[in-house]
């Protein structure tokens, strides 16, 4: 069952309560019998299981996206002459 947050419009009393989806919203403050409003917070979403990643729905044999052409290999640098290194 979900937990709902309420706040009183008159006295500012705030509280949380566990209610079933089928229960009616509260309308009266338990402290001052003033009008209540339901507070809405951001929902924490947790994705569990398969199917939430880009690769989960792809065929493992191939991809529909073509690979970028590879760049030609750069020429190897010529090694320094051994005689010049020995003379120094």
C-alpha atoms as a PDB file:
ATOM      1  CA  UNK A   1       0.000   0.000   0.000  1.00  0.00           C
ATOM      2  CA  UNK A   2       1.313   3.468  -0.843  1.00  0.00           C
ATOM      3  CA  UNK A   3       2.227   6.170   1.638  1.00  0.00           C
ATOM      4  CA  UNK A   4       0.642   9.575   1.073  1.00  0.00           C
ATOM      5  CA  UNK A   5       1.810  12.907   2.480  1.00  0.00           C
ATOM      6  CA  UNK A   6      -0.734  15.464   3.674  1.00  0.00           C
ATOM      7  CA  UNK A   7      -0.427  19.033   4.980  1.00  0.00           C
ATOM      8  CA  UNK A   8      -3.028  21.207   6.661  1.00  0.00           C
ATOM      9  CA  UNK A   9      -3.874  24.459   4.881  1.00  0.00           C
ATOM     10  CA  UNK A  10      -4.775  26.143   8.178  1.00  0.00           C
ATOM     11  CA  UNK A  11      -2.242  25.082  10.828  1.00  0.00           C
ATOM     12  CA  UNK A  12       0.530  23.656   8.605  1.00  0.00           C
ATOM     13  CA  UNK A  13       0.547  20.243  10.323  1.00  0.00           C
ATOM     14  CA  UNK A  14       2.198  17.729   7.965  1.00  0.00           C
ATOM     15  CA  UNK A  15       2.051  13.936   8.209  1.00  0.00           C
ATOM     16  CA  UNK A  16       2.301  10.733   6.179  1.00  0.00           C
ATOM     17  CA  UNK A  17      -0.287   7.976   6.131  1.00  0.00           C
ATOM     18  CA  UNK A  18      -0.467   4.553   4.501  1.00  0.00           C
ATOM     19  CA  UNK A  19      -3.671   4.172   2.485  1.00  0.00           C
ATOM     20  CA  UNK A  20      -4.990   1.692  -0.051  1.00  0.00           C
ATOM     21  CA  UNK A  21      -5.584   2.899  -3.598  1.00  0.00           C
ATOM     22  CA  UNK A  22      -9.314   2.422  -3.032  1.00  0.00           C
ATOM     23  CA  UNK A  23      -9.401   4.599   0.129  1.00  0.00           C
ATOM     24  CA  UNK A  24     -10.760   8.137  -0.125  1.00  0.00           C
ATOM     25  CA  UNK A  25      -8.336  11.013   0.365  1.00  0.00           C
ATOM     26  CA  UNK A  26      -8.328  12.608   3.805  1.00  0.00           C
ATOM     27  CA  UNK A  27      -9.968  16.018   3.971  1.00  0.00           C
ATOM     28  CA  UNK A  28      -9.813  17.006   7.655  1.00  0.00           C
ATOM     29  CA  UNK A  29      -6.722  17.759   9.742  1.00  0.00           C
ATOM     30  CA  UNK A  30      -6.420  15.542  12.839  1.00  0.00           C
ATOM     31  CA  UNK A  31      -4.909  18.473  14.804  1.00  0.00           C
ATOM     32  CA  UNK A  32      -7.236  21.409  14.084  1.00  0.00           C
ATOM     33  CA  UNK A  33      -9.976  19.911  11.836  1.00  0.00           C
ATOM     34  CA  UNK A  34      -8.874  22.313   9.076  1.00  0.00           C
ATOM     35  CA  UNK A  35      -8.724  21.532   5.361  1.00  0.00           C
ATOM     36  CA  UNK A  36      -6.002  19.145   4.173  1.00  0.00           C
ATOM     37  CA  UNK A  37      -4.137  19.060   0.904  1.00  0.00           C
ATOM     38  CA  UNK A  38      -2.320  16.080  -0.514  1.00  0.00           C
ATOM     39  CA  UNK A  39       1.369  16.722  -1.175  1.00  0.00           C
ATOM     40  CA  UNK A  40       2.899  15.217  -4.292  1.00  0.00           C
ATOM     41  CA  UNK A  41       6.549  14.207  -4.317  1.00  0.00           C
ATOM     42  CA  UNK A  42       8.756  12.918  -7.085  1.00  0.00           C
ATOM     43  CA  UNK A  43       8.396   9.230  -7.725  1.00  0.00           C
ATOM     44  CA  UNK A  44      11.391   6.981  -7.215  1.00  0.00           C
ATOM     45  CA  UNK A  45      11.450   4.586 -10.135  1.00  0.00           C
ATOM     46  CA  UNK A  46      13.560   1.455 -10.087  1.00  0.00           C
ATOM     47  CA  UNK A  47      13.805  -0.606 -13.266  1.00  0.00           C
ATOM     48  CA  UNK A  48      14.428  -4.269 -12.489  1.00  0.00           C
ATOM     49  CA  UNK A  49      14.776  -7.132 -14.891  1.00  0.00           C
ATOM     50  CA  UNK A  50      15.685  -7.299 -18.532  1.00  0.00           C
ATOM     51  CA  UNK A  51      14.458  -5.037 -21.296  1.00  0.00           C
ATOM     52  CA  UNK A  52      15.576  -1.656 -19.981  1.00  0.00           C
ATOM     53  CA  UNK A  53      18.886  -1.358 -21.760  1.00  0.00           C
ATOM     54  CA  UNK A  54      19.594  -0.696 -25.435  1.00  0.00           C
ATOM     55  CA  UNK A  55      21.324  -4.030 -25.852  1.00  0.00           C
ATOM     56  CA  UNK A  56      18.543  -6.094 -24.242  1.00  0.00           C
ATOM     57  CA  UNK A  57      16.266  -5.953 -27.271  1.00  0.00           C
ATOM     58  CA  UNK A  58      18.980  -6.409 -29.882  1.00  0.00           C
ATOM     59  CA  UNK A  59      19.903  -9.551 -31.737  1.00  0.00           C
ATOM     60  CA  UNK A  60      23.195 -10.880 -30.419  1.00  0.00           C
ATOM     61  CA  UNK A  61      24.310 -11.954 -33.935  1.00  0.00           C
ATOM     62  CA  UNK A  62      24.480  -8.501 -35.440  1.00  0.00           C
ATOM     63  CA  UNK A  63      23.489  -4.905 -35.139  1.00  0.00           C
ATOM     64  CA  UNK A  64      21.298  -2.721 -37.311  1.00  0.00           C
ATOM     65  CA  UNK A  65      23.787   0.144 -36.939  1.00  0.00           C
ATOM     66  CA  UNK A  66      26.706  -0.050 -39.365  1.00  0.00           C
ATOM     67  CA  UNK A  67      30.190   0.386 -37.979  1.00  0.00           C
ATOM     68  CA  UNK A  68      32.182   3.474 -38.931  1.00  0.00           C
ATOM     69  CA  UNK A  69      34.917   2.805 -41.521  1.00  0.00           C
ATOM     70  CA  UNK A  70      38.290   2.287 -39.936  1.00  0.00           C
ATOM     71  CA  UNK A  71      41.040   4.827 -40.522  1.00  0.00           C
ATOM     72  CA  UNK A  72      44.172   3.668 -42.372  1.00  0.00           C
ATOM     73  CA  UNK A  73      47.083   2.734 -40.158  1.00  0.00           C
ATOM     74  CA  UNK A  74      49.691   5.456 -39.658  1.00  0.00           C
ATOM     75  CA  UNK A  75      53.162   4.656 -41.013  1.00  0.00           C
ATOM     76  CA  UNK A  76      55.643   3.503 -38.397  1.00  0.00           C
ATOM     77  CA  UNK A  77      58.355   5.957 -37.404  1.00  0.00           C
ATOM     78  CA  UNK A  78      61.832   5.060 -38.569  1.00  0.00           C
ATOM     79  CA  UNK A  79      64.115   3.958 -35.742  1.00  0.00           C
ATOM     80  CA  UNK A  80      67.043   6.214 -34.840  1.00  0.00           C
ATOM     81  CA  UNK A  81      70.358   5.042 -36.271  1.00  0.00           C
ATOM     82  CA  UNK A  82      72.356   3.114 -33.724  1.00  0.00           C
ATOM     83  CA  UNK A  83      75.635   4.691 -34.812  1.00  0.00           C
ATOM     84  CA  UNK A  84      74.413   8.230 -34.062  1.00  0.00           C
ATOM     85  CA  UNK A  85      73.233   7.237 -30.608  1.00  0.00           C
ATOM     86  CA  UNK A  86      76.532   5.501 -29.789  1.00  0.00           C
ATOM     87  CA  UNK A  87      78.645   8.502 -30.865  1.00  0.00           C
ATOM     88  CA  UNK A  88      76.965  10.889 -28.454  1.00  0.00           C
END
